[in-house]
């Protein structure tokens, strides 16, 4: 998966935006200043960190060799997905959706309303 493709998938989420708080080659995707994805642009193949339910995180790691513990993240709640083409695009999209929804669910009612009304 190429950078433009993963960026497009991540930005499809309502209220999402790109930020670079960790340097020029670490793209973070946020909603209301909360991170739901981190893309390491310098890696080849690309890697993306996504938030995950703990049981799902373990299951994904057992099913796919290209899913590992979240690099520099809480290993219980984050996975690093190596975008080498071995995981179906639909599964990657599901992982992105889950990460977004987990972060969105923790927002305040006011923050959620702001996103949903935009």
PDB file of N, CA and C in Angstrom:
ATOM      1  N   UNK A   1       0.850  -1.179   0.000  1.00  0.00           N
ATOM      2  CA  UNK A   1       0.000   0.000   0.000  1.00  0.00           C
ATOM      3  C   UNK A   1       0.897   1.243   0.000  1.00  0.00           C
ATOM      4  N   UNK A   2       0.568   2.177  -0.825  1.00  0.00           N
ATOM      5  CA  UNK A   2       1.336   3.407  -0.953  1.00  0.00           C
ATOM      6  C   UNK A   2       0.842   4.458   0.041  1.00  0.00           C
ATOM      7  N   UNK A   3       1.686   5.449   0.305  1.00  0.00           N
ATOM      8  CA  UNK A   3       1.364   6.496   1.268  1.00  0.00           C
ATOM      9  C   UNK A   3       0.061   7.210   0.925  1.00  0.00           C
ATOM     10  N   UNK A   4      -0.127   7.547  -0.341  1.00  0.00           N
ATOM     11  CA  UNK A   4      -1.337   8.274  -0.734  1.00  0.00           C
ATOM     12  C   UNK A   4      -2.592   7.444  -0.469  1.00  0.00           C
ATOM     13  N   UNK A   5      -2.495   6.151  -0.661  1.00  0.00           N
ATOM     14  CA  UNK A   5      -3.648   5.276  -0.462  1.00  0.00           C
ATOM     15  C   UNK A   5      -4.017   5.171   1.021  1.00  0.00           C
ATOM     16  N   UNK A   6      -3.030   4.971   1.887  1.00  0.00           N
ATOM     17  CA  UNK A   6      -3.327   4.861   3.320  1.00  0.00           C
ATOM     18  C   UNK A   6      -3.794   6.217   3.854  1.00  0.00           C
ATOM     19  N   UNK A   7      -3.199   7.291   3.358  1.00  0.00           N
ATOM     20  CA  UNK A   7      -3.619   8.635   3.773  1.00  0.00           C
ATOM     21  C   UNK A   7      -5.083   8.872   3.410  1.00  0.00           C
ATOM     22  N   UNK A   8      -5.470   8.485   2.211  1.00  0.00           N
ATOM     23  CA  UNK A   8      -6.851   8.649   1.761  1.00  0.00           C
ATOM     24  C   UNK A   8      -7.812   7.831   2.636  1.00  0.00           C
ATOM     25  N   UNK A   9      -7.438   6.587   2.961  1.00  0.00           N
ATOM     26  CA  UNK A   9      -8.284   5.752   3.815  1.00  0.00           C
ATOM     27  C   UNK A   9      -8.450   6.366   5.205  1.00  0.00           C
ATOM     28  N   UNK A  10      -7.377   6.915   5.742  1.00  0.00           N
ATOM     29  CA  UNK A  10      -7.425   7.510   7.077  1.00  0.00           C
ATOM     30  C   UNK A  10      -8.236   8.798   7.100  1.00  0.00           C
ATOM     31  N   UNK A  11      -8.112   9.599   6.067  1.00  0.00           N
ATOM     32  CA  UNK A  11      -8.811  10.884   6.026  1.00  0.00           C
ATOM     33  C   UNK A  11     -10.299  10.765   5.687  1.00  0.00           C
ATOM     34  N   UNK A  12     -10.748   9.565   5.316  1.00  0.00           N
ATOM     35  CA  UNK A  12     -12.182   9.358   5.047  1.00  0.00           C
ATOM     36  C   UNK A  12     -13.023   9.513   6.311  1.00  0.00           C
ATOM     37  N   UNK A  13     -12.380   9.397   7.469  1.00  0.00           N
ATOM     38  CA  UNK A  13     -13.097   9.450   8.738  1.00  0.00           C
ATOM     39  C   UNK A  13     -13.478  10.886   9.059  1.00  0.00           C
ATOM     40  N   UNK A  14     -14.718  11.079   9.449  1.00  0.00           N
ATOM     41  CA  UNK A  14     -15.241  12.414   9.707  1.00  0.00           C
ATOM     42  C   UNK A  14     -14.453  13.111  10.812  1.00  0.00           C
ATOM     43  N   UNK A  15     -14.010  14.340  10.523  1.00  0.00           N
ATOM     44  CA  UNK A  15     -13.282  15.150  11.493  1.00  0.00           C
ATOM     45  C   UNK A  15     -11.806  14.827  11.597  1.00  0.00           C
ATOM     46  N   UNK A  16     -11.316  13.883  10.785  1.00  0.00           N
ATOM     47  CA  UNK A  16      -9.897  13.504  10.875  1.00  0.00           C
ATOM     48  C   UNK A  16      -9.025  14.538  10.167  1.00  0.00           C
ATOM     49  N   UNK A  17      -7.818  14.673  10.688  1.00  0.00           N
ATOM     50  CA  UNK A  17      -6.852  15.583  10.080  1.00  0.00           C
ATOM     51  C   UNK A  17      -5.441  15.077  10.359  1.00  0.00           C
ATOM     52  N   UNK A  18      -4.501  15.577   9.555  1.00  0.00           N
ATOM     53  CA  UNK A  18      -3.095  15.176   9.656  1.00  0.00           C
ATOM     54  C   UNK A  18      -2.331  16.184  10.503  1.00  0.00           C
ATOM     55  N   UNK A  19      -1.407  15.661  11.298  1.00  0.00           N
ATOM     56  CA  UNK A  19      -0.521  16.489  12.099  1.00  0.00           C
ATOM     57  C   UNK A  19       0.856  15.811  12.111  1.00  0.00           C
ATOM     58  N   UNK A  20       1.894  16.590  12.374  1.00  0.00           N
ATOM     59  CA  UNK A  20       3.256  16.059  12.428  1.00  0.00           C
ATOM     60  C   UNK A  20       3.942  16.473  13.739  1.00  0.00           C
ATOM     61  N   UNK A  21       3.422  16.047  14.897  1.00  0.00           N
ATOM     62  CA  UNK A  21       4.032  16.460  16.164  1.00  0.00           C
ATOM     63  C   UNK A  21       5.346  15.746  16.488  1.00  0.00           C
ATOM     64  N   UNK A  22       5.646  14.639  15.814  1.00  0.00           N
ATOM     65  CA  UNK A  22       6.836  13.841  16.118  1.00  0.00           C
ATOM     66  C   UNK A  22       7.926  13.948  15.051  1.00  0.00           C
ATOM     67  N   UNK A  23       7.785  14.872  14.122  1.00  0.00           N
ATOM     68  CA  UNK A  23       8.790  15.025  13.067  1.00  0.00           C
ATOM     69  C   UNK A  23       8.173  14.948  11.690  1.00  0.00           C
ATOM     70  N   UNK A  24       8.997  15.273  10.681  1.00  0.00           N
ATOM     71  CA  UNK A  24       8.529  15.389   9.301  1.00  0.00           C
ATOM     72  C   UNK A  24       8.129  14.075   8.655  1.00  0.00           C
ATOM     73  N   UNK A  25       8.548  12.938   9.213  1.00  0.00           N
ATOM     74  CA  UNK A  25       8.249  11.669   8.561  1.00  0.00           C
ATOM     75  C   UNK A  25       7.331  10.771   9.397  1.00  0.00           C
ATOM     76  N   UNK A  26       6.726  11.336  10.448  1.00  0.00           N
ATOM     77  CA  UNK A  26       5.779  10.585  11.273  1.00  0.00           C
ATOM     78  C   UNK A  26       4.429  11.291  11.203  1.00  0.00           C
ATOM     79  N   UNK A  27       3.578  10.813  10.310  1.00  0.00           N
ATOM     80  CA  UNK A  27       2.256  11.399  10.107  1.00  0.00           C
ATOM     81  C   UNK A  27       1.296  10.861  11.168  1.00  0.00           C
ATOM     82  N   UNK A  28       0.650  11.763  11.886  1.00  0.00           N
ATOM     83  CA  UNK A  28      -0.377  11.324  12.831  1.00  0.00           C
ATOM     84  C   UNK A  28      -1.734  11.761  12.310  1.00  0.00           C
ATOM     85  N   UNK A  29      -2.717  10.904  12.487  1.00  0.00           N
ATOM     86  CA  UNK A  29      -4.093  11.214  12.141  1.00  0.00           C
ATOM     87  C   UNK A  29      -4.853  11.380  13.439  1.00  0.00           C
ATOM     88  N   UNK A  30      -5.565  12.493  13.537  1.00  0.00           N
ATOM     89  CA  UNK A  30      -6.235  12.836  14.783  1.00  0.00           C
ATOM     90  C   UNK A  30      -7.695  13.203  14.553  1.00  0.00           C
ATOM     91  N   UNK A  31      -8.447  13.101  15.641  1.00  0.00           N
ATOM     92  CA  UNK A  31      -9.772  13.716  15.742  1.00  0.00           C
ATOM     93  C   UNK A  31      -9.784  14.440  17.083  1.00  0.00           C
ATOM     94  N   UNK A  32     -10.147  15.716  17.047  1.00  0.00           N
ATOM     95  CA  UNK A  32     -10.179  16.526  18.271  1.00  0.00           C
ATOM     96  C   UNK A  32      -8.900  16.373  19.098  1.00  0.00           C
ATOM     97  N   UNK A  33      -7.763  16.437  18.421  1.00  0.00           N
ATOM     98  CA  UNK A  33      -6.443  16.377  19.044  1.00  0.00           C
ATOM     99  C   UNK A  33      -6.122  15.032  19.699  1.00  0.00           C
ATOM    100  N   UNK A  34      -6.861  13.987  19.346  1.00  0.00           N
ATOM    101  CA  UNK A  34      -6.621  12.637  19.850  1.00  0.00           C
ATOM    102  C   UNK A  34      -6.156  11.767  18.682  1.00  0.00           C
ATOM    103  N   UNK A  35      -5.054  11.080  18.865  1.00  0.00           N
ATOM    104  CA  UNK A  35      -4.461  10.264  17.799  1.00  0.00           C
ATOM    105  C   UNK A  35      -5.219   8.950  17.634  1.00  0.00           C
ATOM    106  N   UNK A  36      -5.555   8.615  16.374  1.00  0.00           N
ATOM    107  CA  UNK A  36      -6.108   7.293  16.084  1.00  0.00           C
ATOM    108  C   UNK A  36      -5.235   6.501  15.111  1.00  0.00           C
ATOM    109  N   UNK A  37      -4.235   7.139  14.523  1.00  0.00           N
ATOM    110  CA  UNK A  37      -3.315   6.435  13.627  1.00  0.00           C
ATOM    111  C   UNK A  37      -2.001   7.195  13.533  1.00  0.00           C
ATOM    112  N   UNK A  38      -0.922   6.424  13.404  1.00  0.00           N
ATOM    113  CA  UNK A  38       0.407   7.000  13.198  1.00  0.00           C
ATOM    114  C   UNK A  38       1.049   6.239  12.040  1.00  0.00           C
ATOM    115  N   UNK A  39       1.495   6.978  11.041  1.00  0.00           N
ATOM    116  CA  UNK A  39       2.117   6.366   9.857  1.00  0.00           C
ATOM    117  C   UNK A  39       3.591   6.751   9.829  1.00  0.00           C
ATOM    118  N   UNK A  40       4.446   5.741   9.774  1.00  0.00           N
ATOM    119  CA  UNK A  40       5.874   5.974   9.634  1.00  0.00           C
ATOM    120  C   UNK A  40       6.186   6.045   8.143  1.00  0.00           C
ATOM    121  N   UNK A  41       6.318   7.248   7.638  1.00  0.00           N
ATOM    122  CA  UNK A  41       6.490   7.468   6.197  1.00  0.00           C
ATOM    123  C   UNK A  41       7.836   6.993   5.673  1.00  0.00           C
ATOM    124  N   UNK A  42       8.846   6.894   6.518  1.00  0.00           N
ATOM    125  CA  UNK A  42      10.187   6.522   6.054  1.00  0.00           C
ATOM    126  C   UNK A  42      10.348   5.023   5.870  1.00  0.00           C
ATOM    127  N   UNK A  43       9.484   4.247   6.484  1.00  0.00           N
ATOM    128  CA  UNK A  43       9.606   2.797   6.375  1.00  0.00           C
ATOM    129  C   UNK A  43       9.124   2.296   5.022  1.00  0.00           C
ATOM    130  N   UNK A  44       9.798   1.274   4.532  1.00  0.00           N
ATOM    131  CA  UNK A  44       9.393   0.624   3.291  1.00  0.00           C
ATOM    132  C   UNK A  44       9.435  -0.875   3.523  1.00  0.00           C
ATOM    133  N   UNK A  45       8.294  -1.532   3.593  1.00  0.00           N
ATOM    134  CA  UNK A  45       6.948  -1.007   3.396  1.00  0.00           C
ATOM    135  C   UNK A  45       6.505  -0.102   4.549  1.00  0.00           C
ATOM    136  N   UNK A  46       5.490   0.703   4.254  1.00  0.00           N
ATOM    137  CA  UNK A  46       4.931   1.609   5.253  1.00  0.00           C
ATOM    138  C   UNK A  46       4.436   0.830   6.458  1.00  0.00           C
ATOM    139  N   UNK A  47       4.435   1.502   7.603  1.00  0.00           N
ATOM    140  CA  UNK A  47       3.878   0.937   8.832  1.00  0.00           C
ATOM    141  C   UNK A  47       2.887   1.933   9.397  1.00  0.00           C
ATOM    142  N   UNK A  48       1.795   1.409   9.923  1.00  0.00           N
ATOM    143  CA  UNK A  48       0.795   2.265  10.556  1.00  0.00           C
ATOM    144  C   UNK A  48       0.448   1.671  11.923  1.00  0.00           C
ATOM    145  N   UNK A  49       0.432   2.528  12.934  1.00  0.00           N
ATOM    146  CA  UNK A  49      -0.005   2.128  14.266  1.00  0.00           C
ATOM    147  C   UNK A  49      -1.481   2.461  14.393  1.00  0.00           C
ATOM    148  N   UNK A  50      -2.258   1.475  14.853  1.00  0.00           N
ATOM    149  CA  UNK A  50      -3.696   1.666  15.022  1.00  0.00           C
ATOM    150  C   UNK A  50      -4.126   1.161  16.388  1.00  0.00           C
ATOM    151  N   UNK A  51      -5.047   1.888  16.994  1.00  0.00           N
ATOM    152  CA  UNK A  51      -5.602   1.489  18.279  1.00  0.00           C
ATOM    153  C   UNK A  51      -6.514   0.279  18.056  1.00  0.00           C
ATOM    154  N   UNK A  52      -6.628  -0.574  19.086  1.00  0.00           N
ATOM    155  CA  UNK A  52      -7.376  -1.813  18.923  1.00  0.00           C
ATOM    156  C   UNK A  52      -7.875  -2.292  20.285  1.00  0.00           C
ATOM    157  N   UNK A  53      -9.008  -2.974  20.299  1.00  0.00           N
ATOM    158  CA  UNK A  53      -9.454  -3.645  21.520  1.00  0.00           C
ATOM    159  C   UNK A  53      -8.408  -4.693  21.873  1.00  0.00           C
ATOM    160  N   UNK A  54      -8.069  -4.863  23.153  1.00  0.00           N
ATOM    161  CA  UNK A  54      -6.998  -5.791  23.531  1.00  0.00           C
ATOM    162  C   UNK A  54      -7.139  -7.205  22.966  1.00  0.00           C
ATOM    163  N   UNK A  55      -8.327  -7.792  23.030  1.00  0.00           N
ATOM    164  CA  UNK A  55      -8.497  -9.153  22.503  1.00  0.00           C
ATOM    165  C   UNK A  55      -8.342  -9.194  20.984  1.00  0.00           C
ATOM    166  N   UNK A  56      -8.832  -8.167  20.310  1.00  0.00           N
ATOM    167  CA  UNK A  56      -8.685  -8.093  18.856  1.00  0.00           C
ATOM    168  C   UNK A  56      -7.219  -7.892  18.473  1.00  0.00           C
ATOM    169  N   UNK A  57      -6.509  -7.097  19.271  1.00  0.00           N
ATOM    170  CA  UNK A  57      -5.088  -6.853  18.994  1.00  0.00           C
ATOM    171  C   UNK A  57      -4.316  -8.170  18.976  1.00  0.00           C
ATOM    172  N   UNK A  58      -4.568  -8.991  19.955  1.00  0.00           N
ATOM    173  CA  UNK A  58      -3.905 -10.300  20.027  1.00  0.00           C
ATOM    174  C   UNK A  58      -4.316 -11.180  18.853  1.00  0.00           C
ATOM    175  N   UNK A  59      -5.601 -11.201  18.544  1.00  0.00           N
ATOM    176  CA  UNK A  59      -6.094 -12.035  17.440  1.00  0.00           C
ATOM    177  C   UNK A  59      -5.453 -11.623  16.118  1.00  0.00           C
ATOM    178  N   UNK A  60      -5.403 -10.316  15.832  1.00  0.00           N
ATOM    179  CA  UNK A  60      -4.771  -9.858  14.586  1.00  0.00           C
ATOM    180  C   UNK A  60      -3.309 -10.296  14.527  1.00  0.00           C
ATOM    181  N   UNK A  61      -2.596 -10.228  15.647  1.00  0.00           N
ATOM    182  CA  UNK A  61      -1.186 -10.630  15.674  1.00  0.00           C
ATOM    183  C   UNK A  61      -1.033 -12.124  15.412  1.00  0.00           C
ATOM    184  N   UNK A  62      -1.998 -12.904  15.875  1.00  0.00           N
ATOM    185  CA  UNK A  62      -1.931 -14.350  15.653  1.00  0.00           C
ATOM    186  C   UNK A  62      -2.277 -14.730  14.215  1.00  0.00           C
ATOM    187  N   UNK A  63      -3.170 -13.968  13.601  1.00  0.00           N
ATOM    188  CA  UNK A  63      -3.616 -14.270  12.239  1.00  0.00           C
ATOM    189  C   UNK A  63      -2.622 -13.776  11.183  1.00  0.00           C
ATOM    190  N   UNK A  64      -2.088 -12.568  11.367  1.00  0.00           N
ATOM    191  CA  UNK A  64      -1.249 -11.939  10.346  1.00  0.00           C
ATOM    192  C   UNK A  64       0.172 -11.706  10.864  1.00  0.00           C
ATOM    193  N   UNK A  65       1.152 -12.223  10.149  1.00  0.00           N
ATOM    194  CA  UNK A  65       2.557 -12.021  10.533  1.00  0.00           C
ATOM    195  C   UNK A  65       2.960 -10.555  10.432  1.00  0.00           C
ATOM    196  N   UNK A  66       2.258  -9.789   9.601  1.00  0.00           N
ATOM    197  CA  UNK A  66       2.598  -8.378   9.420  1.00  0.00           C
ATOM    198  C   UNK A  66       1.878  -7.456  10.406  1.00  0.00           C
ATOM    199  N   UNK A  67       1.275  -8.040  11.446  1.00  0.00           N
ATOM    200  CA  UNK A  67       0.711  -7.255  12.544  1.00  0.00           C
ATOM    201  C   UNK A  67       1.521  -7.600  13.789  1.00  0.00           C
ATOM    202  N   UNK A  68       2.132  -6.567  14.361  1.00  0.00           N
ATOM    203  CA  UNK A  68       2.989  -6.754  15.527  1.00  0.00           C
ATOM    204  C   UNK A  68       2.554  -5.798  16.643  1.00  0.00           C
ATOM    205  N   UNK A  69       3.139  -5.985  17.824  1.00  0.00           N
ATOM    206  CA  UNK A  69       2.869  -5.066  18.943  1.00  0.00           C
ATOM    207  C   UNK A  69       3.100  -3.636  18.494  1.00  0.00           C
ATOM    208  N   UNK A  70       2.291  -2.722  19.000  1.00  0.00           N
ATOM    209  CA  UNK A  70       2.420  -1.311  18.643  1.00  0.00           C
ATOM    210  C   UNK A  70       3.783  -0.745  18.999  1.00  0.00           C
ATOM    211  N   UNK A  71       4.514  -0.315  17.988  1.00  0.00           N
ATOM    212  CA  UNK A  71       5.849   0.245  18.167  1.00  0.00           C
ATOM    213  C   UNK A  71       5.752   1.568  18.917  1.00  0.00           C
ATOM    214  N   UNK A  72       6.448   1.676  20.044  1.00  0.00           N
ATOM    215  CA  UNK A  72       6.454   2.876  20.894  1.00  0.00           C
ATOM    216  C   UNK A  72       5.068   3.229  21.423  1.00  0.00           C
ATOM    217  N   UNK A  73       4.198   2.248  21.540  1.00  0.00           N
ATOM    218  CA  UNK A  73       2.827   2.481  22.007  1.00  0.00           C
ATOM    219  C   UNK A  73       2.504   1.464  23.103  1.00  0.00           C
ATOM    220  N   UNK A  74       1.366   1.636  23.741  1.00  0.00           N
ATOM    221  CA  UNK A  74       0.880   0.661  24.711  1.00  0.00           C
ATOM    222  C   UNK A  74       0.557  -0.616  23.943  1.00  0.00           C
ATOM    223  N   UNK A  75       1.327  -1.657  24.178  1.00  0.00           N
ATOM    224  CA  UNK A  75       1.216  -2.904  23.408  1.00  0.00           C
ATOM    225  C   UNK A  75      -0.138  -3.591  23.586  1.00  0.00           C
ATOM    226  N   UNK A  76      -0.821  -3.279  24.663  1.00  0.00           N
ATOM    227  CA  UNK A  76      -2.131  -3.888  24.918  1.00  0.00           C
ATOM    228  C   UNK A  76      -3.200  -3.297  23.994  1.00  0.00           C
ATOM    229  N   UNK A  77      -3.061  -2.021  23.666  1.00  0.00           N
ATOM    230  CA  UNK A  77      -4.112  -1.310  22.924  1.00  0.00           C
ATOM    231  C   UNK A  77      -3.731  -0.870  21.519  1.00  0.00           C
ATOM    232  N   UNK A  78      -2.491  -1.107  21.095  1.00  0.00           N
ATOM    233  CA  UNK A  78      -2.054  -0.638  19.785  1.00  0.00           C
ATOM    234  C   UNK A  78      -1.319  -1.744  19.043  1.00  0.00           C
ATOM    235  N   UNK A  79      -1.568  -1.803  17.743  1.00  0.00           N
ATOM    236  CA  UNK A  79      -0.845  -2.702  16.841  1.00  0.00           C
ATOM    237  C   UNK A  79      -0.112  -1.874  15.803  1.00  0.00           C
ATOM    238  N   UNK A  80       1.008  -2.403  15.337  1.00  0.00           N
ATOM    239  CA  UNK A  80       1.688  -1.850  14.174  1.00  0.00           C
ATOM    240  C   UNK A  80       1.396  -2.791  13.016  1.00  0.00           C
ATOM    241  N   UNK A  81       0.861  -2.219  11.942  1.00  0.00           N
ATOM    242  CA  UNK A  81       0.535  -3.001  10.753  1.00  0.00           C
ATOM    243  C   UNK A  81       1.575  -2.668   9.684  1.00  0.00           C
ATOM    244  N   UNK A  82       2.270  -3.685   9.230  1.00  0.00           N
ATOM    245  CA  UNK A  82       3.252  -3.521   8.161  1.00  0.00           C
ATOM    246  C   UNK A  82       2.489  -3.681   6.851  1.00  0.00           C
ATOM    247  N   UNK A  83       2.419  -2.612   6.085  1.00  0.00           N
ATOM    248  CA  UNK A  83       1.592  -2.582   4.869  1.00  0.00           C
ATOM    249  C   UNK A  83       2.354  -3.170   3.682  1.00  0.00           C
ATOM    250  N   UNK A  84       2.606  -4.477   3.763  1.00  0.00           N
ATOM    251  CA  UNK A  84       3.378  -5.174   2.731  1.00  0.00           C
ATOM    252  C   UNK A  84       2.496  -5.899   1.721  1.00  0.00           C
ATOM    253  N   UNK A  85       1.182  -5.711   1.807  1.00  0.00           N
ATOM    254  CA  UNK A  85       0.263  -6.348   0.872  1.00  0.00           C
ATOM    255  C   UNK A  85      -0.245  -7.697   1.321  1.00  0.00           C
ATOM    256  N   UNK A  86       0.225  -8.182   2.466  1.00  0.00           N
ATOM    257  CA  UNK A  86      -0.189  -9.517   2.923  1.00  0.00           C
ATOM    258  C   UNK A  86      -1.540  -9.515   3.636  1.00  0.00           C
ATOM    259  N   UNK A  87      -2.019  -8.340   4.016  1.00  0.00           N
ATOM    260  CA  UNK A  87      -3.330  -8.227   4.664  1.00  0.00           C
ATOM    261  C   UNK A  87      -4.300  -7.635   3.646  1.00  0.00           C
ATOM    262  N   UNK A  88      -5.468  -8.250   3.465  1.00  0.00           N
ATOM    263  CA  UNK A  88      -6.440  -7.692   2.521  1.00  0.00           C
ATOM    264  C   UNK A  88      -6.785  -6.238   2.873  1.00  0.00           C
ATOM    265  N   UNK A  89      -6.956  -5.430   1.853  1.00  0.00           N
ATOM    266  CA  UNK A  89      -7.276  -4.013   2.046  1.00  0.00           C
ATOM    267  C   UNK A  89      -8.523  -3.848   2.915  1.00  0.00           C
ATOM    268  N   UNK A  90      -9.504  -4.721   2.742  1.00  0.00           N
ATOM    269  CA  UNK A  90     -10.732  -4.620   3.532  1.00  0.00           C
ATOM    270  C   UNK A  90     -10.461  -4.813   5.029  1.00  0.00           C
ATOM    271  N   UNK A  91      -9.508  -5.665   5.363  1.00  0.00           N
ATOM    272  CA  UNK A  91      -9.148  -5.883   6.772  1.00  0.00           C
ATOM    273  C   UNK A  91      -8.435  -4.648   7.321  1.00  0.00           C
ATOM    274  N   UNK A  92      -7.545  -4.067   6.526  1.00  0.00           N
ATOM    275  CA  UNK A  92      -6.863  -2.836   6.938  1.00  0.00           C
ATOM    276  C   UNK A  92      -7.899  -1.737   7.172  1.00  0.00           C
ATOM    277  N   UNK A  93      -8.877  -1.631   6.278  1.00  0.00           N
ATOM    278  CA  UNK A  93      -9.936  -0.639   6.448  1.00  0.00           C
ATOM    279  C   UNK A  93     -10.735  -0.886   7.719  1.00  0.00           C
ATOM    280  N   UNK A  94     -11.015  -2.146   8.031  1.00  0.00           N
ATOM    281  CA  UNK A  94     -11.717  -2.482   9.273  1.00  0.00           C
ATOM    282  C   UNK A  94     -10.895  -2.080  10.490  1.00  0.00           C
ATOM    283  N   UNK A  95      -9.595  -2.321  10.436  1.00  0.00           N
ATOM    284  CA  UNK A  95      -8.707  -1.935  11.543  1.00  0.00           C
ATOM    285  C   UNK A  95      -8.702  -0.419  11.738  1.00  0.00           C
ATOM    286  N   UNK A  96      -8.673   0.318  10.630  1.00  0.00           N
ATOM    287  CA  UNK A  96      -8.709   1.782  10.690  1.00  0.00           C
ATOM    288  C   UNK A  96     -10.024   2.238  11.305  1.00  0.00           C
ATOM    289  N   UNK A  97     -11.126   1.657  10.858  1.00  0.00           N
ATOM    290  CA  UNK A  97     -12.442   2.028  11.392  1.00  0.00           C
ATOM    291  C   UNK A  97     -12.524   1.764  12.887  1.00  0.00           C
ATOM    292  N   UNK A  98     -12.003   0.610  13.305  1.00  0.00           N
ATOM    293  CA  UNK A  98     -12.039   0.279  14.726  1.00  0.00           C
ATOM    294  C   UNK A  98     -11.210   1.281  15.530  1.00  0.00           C
ATOM    295  N   UNK A  99     -10.038   1.621  15.050  1.00  0.00           N
ATOM    296  CA  UNK A  99      -9.184   2.581  15.743  1.00  0.00           C
ATOM    297  C   UNK A  99      -9.897   3.925  15.880  1.00  0.00           C
ATOM    298  N   UNK A 100     -10.466   4.398  14.782  1.00  0.00           N
ATOM    299  CA  UNK A 100     -11.185   5.666  14.789  1.00  0.00           C
ATOM    300  C   UNK A 100     -12.346   5.616  15.789  1.00  0.00           C
ATOM    301  N   UNK A 101     -13.140   4.553  15.729  1.00  0.00           N
ATOM    302  CA  UNK A 101     -14.315   4.437  16.605  1.00  0.00           C
ATOM    303  C   UNK A 101     -13.919   4.369  18.083  1.00  0.00           C
ATOM    304  N   UNK A 102     -12.814   3.685  18.389  1.00  0.00           N
ATOM    305  CA  UNK A 102     -12.355   3.614  19.778  1.00  0.00           C
ATOM    306  C   UNK A 102     -11.996   4.998  20.307  1.00  0.00           C
ATOM    307  N   UNK A 103     -11.325   5.784  19.496  1.00  0.00           N
ATOM    308  CA  UNK A 103     -10.954   7.139  19.909  1.00  0.00           C
ATOM    309  C   UNK A 103     -12.189   8.035  19.944  1.00  0.00           C
ATOM    310  N   UNK A 104     -13.033   7.955  18.920  1.00  0.00           N
ATOM    311  CA  UNK A 104     -14.248   8.764  18.863  1.00  0.00           C
ATOM    312  C   UNK A 104     -15.133   8.512  20.086  1.00  0.00           C
ATOM    313  N   UNK A 105     -15.232   7.262  20.506  1.00  0.00           N
ATOM    314  CA  UNK A 105     -16.108   6.904  21.632  1.00  0.00           C
ATOM    315  C   UNK A 105     -15.655   7.544  22.946  1.00  0.00           C
ATOM    316  N   UNK A 106     -14.410   7.933  23.041  1.00  0.00           N
ATOM    317  CA  UNK A 106     -13.880   8.543  24.268  1.00  0.00           C
ATOM    318  C   UNK A 106     -13.992  10.067  24.270  1.00  0.00           C
ATOM    319  N   UNK A 107     -14.439  10.641  23.164  1.00  0.00           N
ATOM    320  CA  UNK A 107     -14.593  12.088  23.097  1.00  0.00           C
ATOM    321  C   UNK A 107     -15.783  12.531  23.936  1.00  0.00           C
ATOM    322  N   UNK A 108     -15.768  13.790  24.318  1.00  0.00           N
ATOM    323  CA  UNK A 108     -16.908  14.343  25.053  1.00  0.00           C
ATOM    324  C   UNK A 108     -18.101  14.485  24.110  1.00  0.00           C
ATOM    325  N   UNK A 109     -19.266  14.633  24.685  1.00  0.00           N
ATOM    326  CA  UNK A 109     -20.477  14.811  23.882  1.00  0.00           C
ATOM    327  C   UNK A 109     -20.342  16.044  22.993  1.00  0.00           C
ATOM    328  N   UNK A 110     -19.790  17.104  23.528  1.00  0.00           N
ATOM    329  CA  UNK A 110     -19.601  18.340  22.771  1.00  0.00           C
ATOM    330  C   UNK A 110     -18.656  18.123  21.589  1.00  0.00           C
ATOM    331  N   UNK A 111     -17.562  17.382  21.819  1.00  0.00           N
ATOM    332  CA  UNK A 111     -16.601  17.106  20.743  1.00  0.00           C
ATOM    333  C   UNK A 111     -17.237  16.243  19.655  1.00  0.00           C
ATOM    334  N   UNK A 112     -18.005  15.240  20.076  1.00  0.00           N
ATOM    335  CA  UNK A 112     -18.692  14.376  19.099  1.00  0.00           C
ATOM    336  C   UNK A 112     -19.672  15.192  18.265  1.00  0.00           C
ATOM    337  N   UNK A 113     -20.446  16.043  18.905  1.00  0.00           N
ATOM    338  CA  UNK A 113     -21.427  16.863  18.186  1.00  0.00           C
ATOM    339  C   UNK A 113     -20.738  17.780  17.181  1.00  0.00           C
ATOM    340  N   UNK A 114     -19.593  18.339  17.569  1.00  0.00           N
ATOM    341  CA  UNK A 114     -18.837  19.209  16.674  1.00  0.00           C
ATOM    342  C   UNK A 114     -18.419  18.448  15.414  1.00  0.00           C
ATOM    343  N   UNK A 115     -17.924  17.236  15.589  1.00  0.00           N
ATOM    344  CA  UNK A 115     -17.475  16.427  14.458  1.00  0.00           C
ATOM    345  C   UNK A 115     -18.661  16.033  13.585  1.00  0.00           C
ATOM    346  N   UNK A 116     -19.725  15.582  14.194  1.00  0.00           N
ATOM    347  CA  UNK A 116     -20.895  15.106  13.439  1.00  0.00           C
ATOM    348  C   UNK A 116     -21.621  16.227  12.710  1.00  0.00           C
ATOM    349  N   UNK A 117     -21.475  17.452  13.199  1.00  0.00           N
ATOM    350  CA  UNK A 117     -22.160  18.571  12.535  1.00  0.00           C
ATOM    351  C   UNK A 117     -21.316  19.201  11.430  1.00  0.00           C
ATOM    352  N   UNK A 118     -20.059  18.783  11.312  1.00  0.00           N
ATOM    353  CA  UNK A 118     -19.190  19.395  10.285  1.00  0.00           C
ATOM    354  C   UNK A 118     -19.360  18.706   8.942  1.00  0.00           C
TER     355      UNK A 118
END
